Amino acid sequence: MVNLGPILDHVPAWLMVLFRLTGIFLLAPMFGSQTIPRIVKVFLVVGLSLCIYPMLLSTGHAAAGSLGGVVENGLSLWTLGVLVAMELLMGYVIGYVASLPLIGMQIGGQVIDQQMGISAGGVFNPDLDAEAGVIGQVFFLSGLTIFLIIGGHQALLLTLVGSFERVPLGGFGVVGVDMNAALGLVLGILTVIFDMALRVAAPLLCILFLLRVAMGFIGRTVPQMNILSVGFIFYILAGLVTLVVGIATVLTVFRKTMFETLQQIMVIFTM
């Protein structure tokens, strides 16, 4: 009969690795997409955990000590729920921070949709599980494409693997993390979403503001003209021309912001 005792001793520690990986598949760009079937996500999480767990047990790895303690002593029922929540939260935070620039792009696109008067033609965005305008959806998908081009998915996985060295598995201690730097990252990240949205929508907002001022003068000069019907067409045309001219700049700004965000995450959790 096959003795499964040595294998079963590793199950609690492996589950902690599994739950930390699961956190990143809840909200991270691409990994957390609702368009990916859940069964595919389950197989990816299990496969990655089976690949990462033996690596963490290797001699000299910072996480080997905490893993060894979990393997030898196991986990009590009273602490299991708290530990699972902590591991899920770790992966969730990494994925959430990485998704903020994309959310900023989406918000900037929604502002543009409202100012152009086409917000009523919204479409469902499965990645955010919410309805989004046409321009917001275009910006979001463009940002997601850039995220994949610059290797953002690989950076997230490297960050998650590196987090096992800084945050012990199955424990509450944090090893070698500069808490001031972590707090600065949190405060800085909270401004990323608004900064990204403002930088995306500002050029179009300025142009539409000037166009509305011009329409106001025309409405005062030629009262017989129906400014509402004519202005609606001009707003859409001006918005489309501005988007065509400035889309390259918008994507460049997003690429720089996303790259800096991923770099800061890696600095906090892996270096």
C-alpha atoms as a PDB file:
ATOM      1  CA  MET A   1       0.000   0.000   0.000  1.00  0.00           C
ATOM      2  CA  VAL A   2       1.248   3.461  -0.902  1.00  0.00           C
ATOM      3  CA  ASN A   3       2.107   5.612   2.121  1.00  0.00           C
ATOM      4  CA  LEU A   4       0.553   9.055   1.549  1.00  0.00           C
ATOM      5  CA  GLY A   5       1.625  10.432   4.924  1.00  0.00           C
ATOM      6  CA  PRO A   6       4.687  12.397   3.669  1.00  0.00           C
ATOM      7  CA  ILE A   7       2.581  13.930   0.896  1.00  0.00           C
ATOM      8  CA  LEU A   8      -0.315  14.839   3.177  1.00  0.00           C
ATOM      9  CA  ASP A   9       2.087  16.685   5.494  1.00  0.00           C
ATOM     10  CA  HIS A  10       2.757  19.160   2.685  1.00  0.00           C
ATOM     11  CA  VAL A  11      -0.922  19.813   1.904  1.00  0.00           C
ATOM     12  CA  PRO A  12      -1.448  22.698   4.423  1.00  0.00           C
ATOM     13  CA  ALA A  13       1.658  24.573   3.230  1.00  0.00           C
ATOM     14  CA  TRP A  14       0.755  23.949  -0.420  1.00  0.00           C
ATOM     15  CA  LEU A  15      -2.755  25.268   0.200  1.00  0.00           C
ATOM     16  CA  MET A  16      -1.292  28.532   1.512  1.00  0.00           C
ATOM     17  CA  VAL A  17       0.674  28.899  -1.736  1.00  0.00           C
ATOM     18  CA  LEU A  18      -2.484  28.038  -3.675  1.00  0.00           C
ATOM     19  CA  PHE A  19      -4.560  30.691  -1.893  1.00  0.00           C
ATOM     20  CA  ARG A  20      -1.944  33.407  -2.404  1.00  0.00           C
ATOM     21  CA  LEU A  21      -1.935  32.620  -6.125  1.00  0.00           C
ATOM     22  CA  THR A  22      -5.737  32.592  -6.135  1.00  0.00           C
ATOM     23  CA  GLY A  23      -5.771  36.185  -4.900  1.00  0.00           C
ATOM     24  CA  ILE A  24      -4.059  37.448  -8.025  1.00  0.00           C
ATOM     25  CA  PHE A  25      -6.636  35.695 -10.226  1.00  0.00           C
ATOM     26  CA  LEU A  26      -9.479  37.665  -8.619  1.00  0.00           C
ATOM     27  CA  LEU A  27      -8.730  41.153  -9.932  1.00  0.00           C
ATOM     28  CA  ALA A  28      -5.358  41.363 -11.689  1.00  0.00           C
ATOM     29  CA  PRO A  29      -5.393  42.511 -15.330  1.00  0.00           C
ATOM     30  CA  MET A  30      -5.926  39.593 -17.694  1.00  0.00           C
ATOM     31  CA  PHE A  31      -5.753  36.986 -14.891  1.00  0.00           C
ATOM     32  CA  GLY A  32      -8.961  38.260 -13.295  1.00  0.00           C
ATOM     33  CA  SER A  33     -10.867  38.668 -16.549  1.00  0.00           C
ATOM     34  CA  GLN A  34     -14.430  37.350 -16.408  1.00  0.00           C
ATOM     35  CA  THR A  35     -14.090  36.163 -20.008  1.00  0.00           C
ATOM     36  CA  ILE A  36     -11.701  33.397 -18.920  1.00  0.00           C
ATOM     37  CA  PRO A  37     -13.707  30.326 -17.836  1.00  0.00           C
ATOM     38  CA  ARG A  38     -13.452  29.548 -14.146  1.00  0.00           C
ATOM     39  CA  ILE A  39     -12.350  25.983 -14.782  1.00  0.00           C
ATOM     40  CA  VAL A  40      -9.388  27.336 -16.786  1.00  0.00           C
ATOM     41  CA  LYS A  41      -8.456  29.646 -13.900  1.00  0.00           C
ATOM     42  CA  VAL A  42      -8.634  26.729 -11.467  1.00  0.00           C
ATOM     43  CA  PHE A  43      -6.294  24.613 -13.577  1.00  0.00           C
ATOM     44  CA  LEU A  44      -3.888  27.564 -13.976  1.00  0.00           C
ATOM     45  CA  VAL A  45      -3.801  28.266 -10.235  1.00  0.00           C
ATOM     46  CA  VAL A  46      -3.296  24.610  -9.317  1.00  0.00           C
ATOM     47  CA  GLY A  47      -0.622  24.127 -11.991  1.00  0.00           C
ATOM     48  CA  LEU A  48       1.297  27.238 -10.983  1.00  0.00           C
ATOM     49  CA  SER A  49       1.125  26.332  -7.290  1.00  0.00           C
ATOM     50  CA  LEU A  50       2.526  22.868  -8.017  1.00  0.00           C
ATOM     51  CA  CYS A  51       5.408  24.511  -9.894  1.00  0.00           C
ATOM     52  CA  ILE A  52       6.140  27.199  -7.281  1.00  0.00           C
ATOM     53  CA  TYR A  53       5.819  25.113  -4.113  1.00  0.00           C
ATOM     54  CA  PRO A  54       8.872  22.836  -4.687  1.00  0.00           C
ATOM     55  CA  MET A  55      10.938  25.910  -5.577  1.00  0.00           C
ATOM     56  CA  LEU A  56      10.062  27.527  -2.239  1.00  0.00           C
ATOM     57  CA  LEU A  57      11.231  24.419  -0.384  1.00  0.00           C
ATOM     58  CA  SER A  58      14.704  24.551  -1.926  1.00  0.00           C
ATOM     59  CA  THR A  59      17.604  25.034   0.453  1.00  0.00           C
ATOM     60  CA  GLY A  60      18.556  28.652   0.991  1.00  0.00           C
ATOM     61  CA  HIS A  61      15.198  30.110  -0.046  1.00  0.00           C
ATOM     62  CA  ALA A  62      13.858  32.668   2.419  1.00  0.00           C
ATOM     63  CA  ALA A  63      10.446  30.982   2.512  1.00  0.00           C
ATOM     64  CA  ALA A  64      11.860  27.495   3.281  1.00  0.00           C
ATOM     65  CA  GLY A  65      11.873  28.122   7.036  1.00  0.00           C
ATOM     66  CA  SER A  66       8.233  29.191   7.297  1.00  0.00           C
ATOM     67  CA  LEU A  67       7.171  26.379   4.966  1.00  0.00           C
ATOM     68  CA  GLY A  68       9.104  23.843   7.017  1.00  0.00           C
ATOM     69  CA  GLY A  69       7.331  24.985  10.169  1.00  0.00           C
ATOM     70  CA  VAL A  70       3.922  24.556   8.534  1.00  0.00           C
ATOM     71  CA  VAL A  71       4.894  21.107   7.171  1.00  0.00           C
ATOM     72  CA  GLU A  72       6.131  19.890  10.574  1.00  0.00           C
ATOM     73  CA  ASN A  73       3.480  21.420  12.819  1.00  0.00           C
ATOM     74  CA  GLY A  74       0.535  21.786  10.459  1.00  0.00           C
ATOM     75  CA  LEU A  75      -2.149  24.427  10.905  1.00  0.00           C
ATOM     76  CA  SER A  76      -4.749  24.597  13.637  1.00  0.00           C
ATOM     77  CA  LEU A  77      -8.403  24.928  12.772  1.00  0.00           C
ATOM     78  CA  TRP A  78      -8.658  28.224  14.695  1.00  0.00           C
ATOM     79  CA  THR A  79      -5.983  29.945  12.608  1.00  0.00           C
ATOM     80  CA  LEU A  80      -6.788  28.337   9.249  1.00  0.00           C
ATOM     81  CA  GLY A  81      -9.464  30.871   8.262  1.00  0.00           C
ATOM     82  CA  VAL A  82      -7.312  33.863   9.192  1.00  0.00           C
ATOM     83  CA  LEU A  83      -4.295  32.494   7.316  1.00  0.00           C
ATOM     84  CA  VAL A  84      -6.367  31.779   4.219  1.00  0.00           C
ATOM     85  CA  ALA A  85      -7.738  35.333   4.295  1.00  0.00           C
ATOM     86  CA  MET A  86      -4.223  36.777   4.665  1.00  0.00           C
ATOM     87  CA  GLU A  87      -2.883  34.782   1.731  1.00  0.00           C
ATOM     88  CA  LEU A  88      -5.838  35.733  -0.469  1.00  0.00           C
ATOM     89  CA  LEU A  89      -5.408  39.369   0.528  1.00  0.00           C
ATOM     90  CA  MET A  90      -1.726  39.358  -0.458  1.00  0.00           C
ATOM     91  CA  GLY A  91      -2.451  38.246  -4.024  1.00  0.00           C
ATOM     92  CA  TYR A  92      -5.536  40.441  -4.212  1.00  0.00           C
ATOM     93  CA  VAL A  93      -3.600  43.596  -3.249  1.00  0.00           C
ATOM     94  CA  ILE A  94      -0.931  42.965  -5.893  1.00  0.00           C
ATOM     95  CA  GLY A  95      -3.566  42.436  -8.581  1.00  0.00           C
ATOM     96  CA  TYR A  96      -5.647  45.418  -7.463  1.00  0.00           C
ATOM     97  CA  VAL A  97      -2.718  47.840  -7.519  1.00  0.00           C
ATOM     98  CA  ALA A  98      -1.707  46.661 -10.977  1.00  0.00           C
ATOM     99  CA  SER A  99      -5.263  47.204 -12.275  1.00  0.00           C
ATOM    100  CA  LEU A 100      -5.535  50.838 -11.109  1.00  0.00           C
ATOM    101  CA  PRO A 101      -3.974  52.420 -14.245  1.00  0.00           C
ATOM    102  CA  LEU A 102      -6.443  50.449 -16.368  1.00  0.00           C
ATOM    103  CA  ILE A 103      -9.325  51.662 -14.215  1.00  0.00           C
ATOM    104  CA  GLY A 104      -8.014  55.206 -14.669  1.00  0.00           C
ATOM    105  CA  MET A 105      -8.079  54.738 -18.438  1.00  0.00           C
ATOM    106  CA  GLN A 106     -11.653  53.480 -18.179  1.00  0.00           C
ATOM    107  CA  ILE A 107     -12.765  56.470 -16.077  1.00  0.00           C
ATOM    108  CA  GLY A 108     -11.050  58.902 -18.456  1.00  0.00           C
ATOM    109  CA  GLY A 109     -12.887  57.278 -21.358  1.00  0.00           C
ATOM    110  CA  GLN A 110     -16.208  57.534 -19.516  1.00  0.00           C
ATOM    111  CA  VAL A 111     -15.656  61.254 -18.951  1.00  0.00           C
ATOM    112  CA  ILE A 112     -14.974  61.666 -22.672  1.00  0.00           C
ATOM    113  CA  ASP A 113     -18.120  59.678 -23.520  1.00  0.00           C
ATOM    114  CA  GLN A 114     -20.220  61.965 -21.329  1.00  0.00           C
ATOM    115  CA  GLN A 115     -18.730  65.158 -22.753  1.00  0.00           C
ATOM    116  CA  MET A 116     -19.192  63.950 -26.324  1.00  0.00           C
ATOM    117  CA  GLY A 117     -22.780  62.939 -25.615  1.00  0.00           C
ATOM    118  CA  ILE A 118     -22.386  59.256 -26.498  1.00  0.00           C
ATOM    119  CA  SER A 119     -22.457  57.789 -22.990  1.00  0.00           C
ATOM    120  CA  ALA A 120     -25.894  56.292 -23.682  1.00  0.00           C
ATOM    121  CA  GLY A 121     -24.332  53.855 -26.144  1.00  0.00           C
ATOM    122  CA  GLY A 122     -22.576  51.866 -23.425  1.00  0.00           C
ATOM    123  CA  VAL A 123     -21.403  48.282 -23.660  1.00  0.00           C
ATOM    124  CA  PHE A 124     -20.769  45.711 -20.926  1.00  0.00           C
ATOM    125  CA  ASN A 125     -17.149  45.328 -19.848  1.00  0.00           C
ATOM    126  CA  PRO A 126     -16.694  41.770 -18.499  1.00  0.00           C
ATOM    127  CA  ASP A 127     -13.241  42.556 -17.087  1.00  0.00           C
ATOM    128  CA  LEU A 128     -14.685  45.142 -14.686  1.00  0.00           C
ATOM    129  CA  ASP A 129     -18.133  43.524 -14.469  1.00  0.00           C
ATOM    130  CA  ALA A 130     -19.755  46.869 -15.260  1.00  0.00           C
ATOM    131  CA  GLU A 131     -21.145  48.869 -18.172  1.00  0.00           C
ATOM    132  CA  ALA A 132     -18.748  51.212 -19.944  1.00  0.00           C
ATOM    133  CA  GLY A 133     -18.982  53.727 -22.755  1.00  0.00           C
ATOM    134  CA  VAL A 134     -17.571  53.062 -26.193  1.00  0.00           C
ATOM    135  CA  ILE A 135     -14.524  55.301 -25.756  1.00  0.00           C
ATOM    136  CA  GLY A 136     -13.932  53.950 -22.258  1.00  0.00           C
ATOM    137  CA  GLN A 137     -14.003  50.410 -23.606  1.00  0.00           C
ATOM    138  CA  VAL A 138     -11.565  51.294 -26.381  1.00  0.00           C
ATOM    139  CA  PHE A 139      -9.180  52.881 -23.890  1.00  0.00           C
ATOM    140  CA  PHE A 140      -9.449  49.919 -21.525  1.00  0.00           C
ATOM    141  CA  LEU A 141      -8.731  47.335 -24.234  1.00  0.00           C
ATOM    142  CA  SER A 142      -5.862  49.444 -25.584  1.00  0.00           C
ATOM    143  CA  GLY A 143      -4.389  49.678 -22.082  1.00  0.00           C
ATOM    144  CA  LEU A 144      -4.776  45.928 -21.577  1.00  0.00           C
ATOM    145  CA  THR A 145      -2.935  45.318 -24.851  1.00  0.00           C
ATOM    146  CA  ILE A 146      -0.068  47.551 -23.737  1.00  0.00           C
ATOM    147  CA  PHE A 147      -0.042  45.739 -20.384  1.00  0.00           C
ATOM    148  CA  LEU A 148       0.599  42.461 -22.202  1.00  0.00           C
ATOM    149  CA  ILE A 149       3.143  43.979 -24.601  1.00  0.00           C
ATOM    150  CA  ILE A 150       5.345  45.340 -21.798  1.00  0.00           C
ATOM    151  CA  GLY A 151       5.189  41.989 -19.981  1.00  0.00           C
ATOM    152  CA  GLY A 152       2.914  43.068 -17.159  1.00  0.00           C
ATOM    153  CA  HIS A 153       1.558  39.545 -16.653  1.00  0.00           C
ATOM    154  CA  GLN A 154       5.091  38.216 -16.192  1.00  0.00           C
ATOM    155  CA  ALA A 155       5.935  41.048 -13.775  1.00  0.00           C
ATOM    156  CA  LEU A 156       2.889  40.188 -11.641  1.00  0.00           C
ATOM    157  CA  LEU A 157       3.868  36.528 -11.404  1.00  0.00           C
ATOM    158  CA  LEU A 158       7.470  37.436 -10.547  1.00  0.00           C
ATOM    159  CA  THR A 159       6.211  39.834  -7.885  1.00  0.00           C
ATOM    160  CA  LEU A 160       3.954  37.203  -6.391  1.00  0.00           C
ATOM    161  CA  VAL A 161       6.746  34.621  -6.279  1.00  0.00           C
ATOM    162  CA  GLY A 162       9.111  37.182  -4.761  1.00  0.00           C
ATOM    163  CA  SER A 163       6.550  38.073  -2.101  1.00  0.00           C
ATOM    164  CA  PHE A 164       7.155  34.701  -0.446  1.00  0.00           C
ATOM    165  CA  GLU A 165      10.599  35.981   0.580  1.00  0.00           C
ATOM    166  CA  ARG A 166       9.261  39.178   2.156  1.00  0.00           C
ATOM    167  CA  VAL A 167       6.004  37.897   3.673  1.00  0.00           C
ATOM    168  CA  PRO A 168       6.449  34.463   5.315  1.00  0.00           C
ATOM    169  CA  LEU A 169       3.941  31.836   4.295  1.00  0.00           C
ATOM    170  CA  GLY A 170       1.594  30.842   7.078  1.00  0.00           C
ATOM    171  CA  GLY A 171       2.759  33.681   9.312  1.00  0.00           C
ATOM    172  CA  PHE A 172       1.977  37.296  10.033  1.00  0.00           C
ATOM    173  CA  GLY A 173       5.498  38.683  10.113  1.00  0.00           C
ATOM    174  CA  VAL A 174       6.931  40.846   7.346  1.00  0.00           C
ATOM    175  CA  VAL A 175      10.609  40.412   6.597  1.00  0.00           C
ATOM    176  CA  GLY A 176      12.661  43.291   5.213  1.00  0.00           C
ATOM    177  CA  VAL A 177       9.772  45.428   3.998  1.00  0.00           C
ATOM    178  CA  ASP A 178      10.200  49.173   4.426  1.00  0.00           C
ATOM    179  CA  MET A 179       6.833  50.153   5.894  1.00  0.00           C
ATOM    180  CA  ASN A 180       7.369  53.819   5.057  1.00  0.00           C
ATOM    181  CA  ALA A 181       7.954  52.853   1.430  1.00  0.00           C
ATOM    182  CA  ALA A 182       4.880  50.600   1.509  1.00  0.00           C
ATOM    183  CA  LEU A 183       2.744  53.413   2.942  1.00  0.00           C
ATOM    184  CA  GLY A 184       4.103  55.817   0.331  1.00  0.00           C
ATOM    185  CA  LEU A 185       3.217  53.290  -2.370  1.00  0.00           C
ATOM    186  CA  VAL A 186      -0.351  53.005  -1.084  1.00  0.00           C
ATOM    187  CA  LEU A 187      -0.852  56.772  -0.961  1.00  0.00           C
ATOM    188  CA  GLY A 188       0.778  57.228  -4.363  1.00  0.00           C
ATOM    189  CA  ILE A 189      -1.258  54.450  -5.941  1.00  0.00           C
ATOM    190  CA  LEU A 190      -4.509  55.991  -4.727  1.00  0.00           C
ATOM    191  CA  THR A 191      -3.742  59.063  -6.834  1.00  0.00           C
ATOM    192  CA  VAL A 192      -2.818  57.050  -9.933  1.00  0.00           C
ATOM    193  CA  ILE A 193      -6.402  56.346 -10.921  1.00  0.00           C
ATOM    194  CA  PHE A 194      -7.426  60.033 -10.795  1.00  0.00           C
ATOM    195  CA  ASP A 195      -4.176  61.254 -12.342  1.00  0.00           C
ATOM    196  CA  MET A 196      -4.527  58.770 -15.197  1.00  0.00           C
ATOM    197  CA  ALA A 197      -8.157  59.720 -15.833  1.00  0.00           C
ATOM    198  CA  LEU A 198      -7.349  63.452 -15.820  1.00  0.00           C
ATOM    199  CA  ARG A 199      -4.378  63.119 -18.165  1.00  0.00           C
ATOM    200  CA  VAL A 200      -6.444  61.034 -20.586  1.00  0.00           C
ATOM    201  CA  ALA A 201      -9.514  63.294 -20.643  1.00  0.00           C
ATOM    202  CA  ALA A 202      -7.921  66.754 -20.197  1.00  0.00           C
ATOM    203  CA  PRO A 203      -7.076  67.513 -23.883  1.00  0.00           C
ATOM    204  CA  LEU A 204     -10.580  66.688 -25.063  1.00  0.00           C
ATOM    205  CA  LEU A 205     -12.190  68.548 -22.165  1.00  0.00           C
ATOM    206  CA  CYS A 206     -10.262  71.713 -23.064  1.00  0.00           C
ATOM    207  CA  ILE A 207     -11.234  71.504 -26.733  1.00  0.00           C
ATOM    208  CA  LEU A 208     -14.896  70.842 -25.963  1.00  0.00           C
ATOM    209  CA  PHE A 209     -14.906  73.724 -23.483  1.00  0.00           C
ATOM    210  CA  LEU A 210     -13.651  76.108 -26.173  1.00  0.00           C
ATOM    211  CA  LEU A 211     -16.182  74.677 -28.628  1.00  0.00           C
ATOM    212  CA  ARG A 212     -19.021  75.246 -26.168  1.00  0.00           C
ATOM    213  CA  VAL A 213     -17.889  78.848 -25.639  1.00  0.00           C
ATOM    214  CA  ALA A 214     -17.862  79.344 -29.417  1.00  0.00           C
ATOM    215  CA  MET A 215     -21.325  77.802 -29.688  1.00  0.00           C
ATOM    216  CA  GLY A 216     -22.553  80.160 -26.979  1.00  0.00           C
ATOM    217  CA  PHE A 217     -21.352  83.188 -28.969  1.00  0.00           C
ATOM    218  CA  ILE A 218     -22.962  81.822 -32.124  1.00  0.00           C
ATOM    219  CA  GLY A 219     -26.214  81.216 -30.243  1.00  0.00           C
ATOM    220  CA  ARG A 220     -26.234  84.835 -29.068  1.00  0.00           C
ATOM    221  CA  THR A 221     -25.346  86.165 -32.519  1.00  0.00           C
ATOM    222  CA  VAL A 222     -27.746  83.985 -34.534  1.00  0.00           C
ATOM    223  CA  PRO A 223     -30.721  83.195 -32.279  1.00  0.00           C
ATOM    224  CA  GLN A 224     -32.562  81.489 -35.160  1.00  0.00           C
ATOM    225  CA  MET A 225     -29.980  78.662 -35.282  1.00  0.00           C
ATOM    226  CA  ASN A 226     -30.753  75.539 -33.240  1.00  0.00           C
ATOM    227  CA  ILE A 227     -27.477  75.315 -31.331  1.00  0.00           C
ATOM    228  CA  LEU A 228     -28.436  72.136 -29.473  1.00  0.00           C
ATOM    229  CA  SER A 229     -28.878  69.984 -32.589  1.00  0.00           C
ATOM    230  CA  VAL A 230     -25.937  71.511 -34.465  1.00  0.00           C
ATOM    231  CA  GLY A 231     -23.625  71.552 -31.444  1.00  0.00           C
ATOM    232  CA  PHE A 232     -24.248  67.870 -30.714  1.00  0.00           C
ATOM    233  CA  ILE A 233     -22.772  66.911 -34.099  1.00  0.00           C
ATOM    234  CA  PHE A 234     -19.816  69.260 -33.661  1.00  0.00           C
ATOM    235  CA  TYR A 235     -19.025  67.829 -30.225  1.00  0.00           C
ATOM    236  CA  ILE A 236     -18.836  64.301 -31.624  1.00  0.00           C
ATOM    237  CA  LEU A 237     -16.731  65.331 -34.632  1.00  0.00           C
ATOM    238  CA  ALA A 238     -14.355  67.396 -32.490  1.00  0.00           C
ATOM    239  CA  GLY A 239     -14.016  64.541 -30.022  1.00  0.00           C
ATOM    240  CA  LEU A 240     -13.247  61.983 -32.721  1.00  0.00           C
ATOM    241  CA  VAL A 241     -10.648  64.218 -34.369  1.00  0.00           C
ATOM    242  CA  THR A 242      -8.987  64.875 -31.005  1.00  0.00           C
ATOM    243  CA  LEU A 243      -8.911  61.166 -30.213  1.00  0.00           C
ATOM    244  CA  VAL A 244      -7.378  60.263 -33.563  1.00  0.00           C
ATOM    245  CA  VAL A 245      -4.693  62.921 -33.183  1.00  0.00           C
ATOM    246  CA  GLY A 246      -3.924  62.295 -29.521  1.00  0.00           C
ATOM    247  CA  ILE A 247      -4.394  58.528 -29.082  1.00  0.00           C
ATOM    248  CA  ALA A 248      -0.655  57.877 -29.480  1.00  0.00           C
ATOM    249  CA  THR A 249       0.149  60.344 -26.695  1.00  0.00           C
ATOM    250  CA  VAL A 250      -2.513  58.848 -24.430  1.00  0.00           C
ATOM    251  CA  LEU A 251      -1.136  55.331 -24.902  1.00  0.00           C
ATOM    252  CA  THR A 252       2.414  56.550 -24.281  1.00  0.00           C
ATOM    253  CA  VAL A 253       1.329  58.160 -21.003  1.00  0.00           C
ATOM    254  CA  PHE A 254      -0.448  54.957 -19.993  1.00  0.00           C
ATOM    255  CA  ARG A 255       2.578  52.792 -20.836  1.00  0.00           C
ATOM    256  CA  LYS A 256       4.822  54.961 -18.679  1.00  0.00           C
ATOM    257  CA  THR A 257       2.350  54.952 -15.767  1.00  0.00           C
ATOM    258  CA  MET A 258       1.814  51.189 -15.945  1.00  0.00           C
ATOM    259  CA  PHE A 259       5.556  50.531 -16.133  1.00  0.00           C
ATOM    260  CA  GLU A 260       6.227  52.727 -13.091  1.00  0.00           C
ATOM    261  CA  THR A 261       3.403  51.071 -11.151  1.00  0.00           C
ATOM    262  CA  LEU A 262       4.706  47.563 -11.835  1.00  0.00           C
ATOM    263  CA  GLN A 263       8.223  48.670 -10.967  1.00  0.00           C
ATOM    264  CA  GLN A 264       7.106  50.097  -7.622  1.00  0.00           C
ATOM    265  CA  ILE A 265       5.188  46.898  -6.791  1.00  0.00           C
ATOM    266  CA  MET A 266       8.276  44.794  -7.497  1.00  0.00           C
ATOM    267  CA  VAL A 267      10.457  47.107  -5.392  1.00  0.00           C
ATOM    268  CA  ILE A 268       8.167  46.757  -2.373  1.00  0.00           C
ATOM    269  CA  PHE A 269       7.535  43.015  -2.515  1.00  0.00           C
ATOM    270  CA  THR A 270      10.646  41.506  -4.102  1.00  0.00           C
ATOM    271  CA  MET A 271      13.714  43.754  -3.640  1.00  0.00           C
END
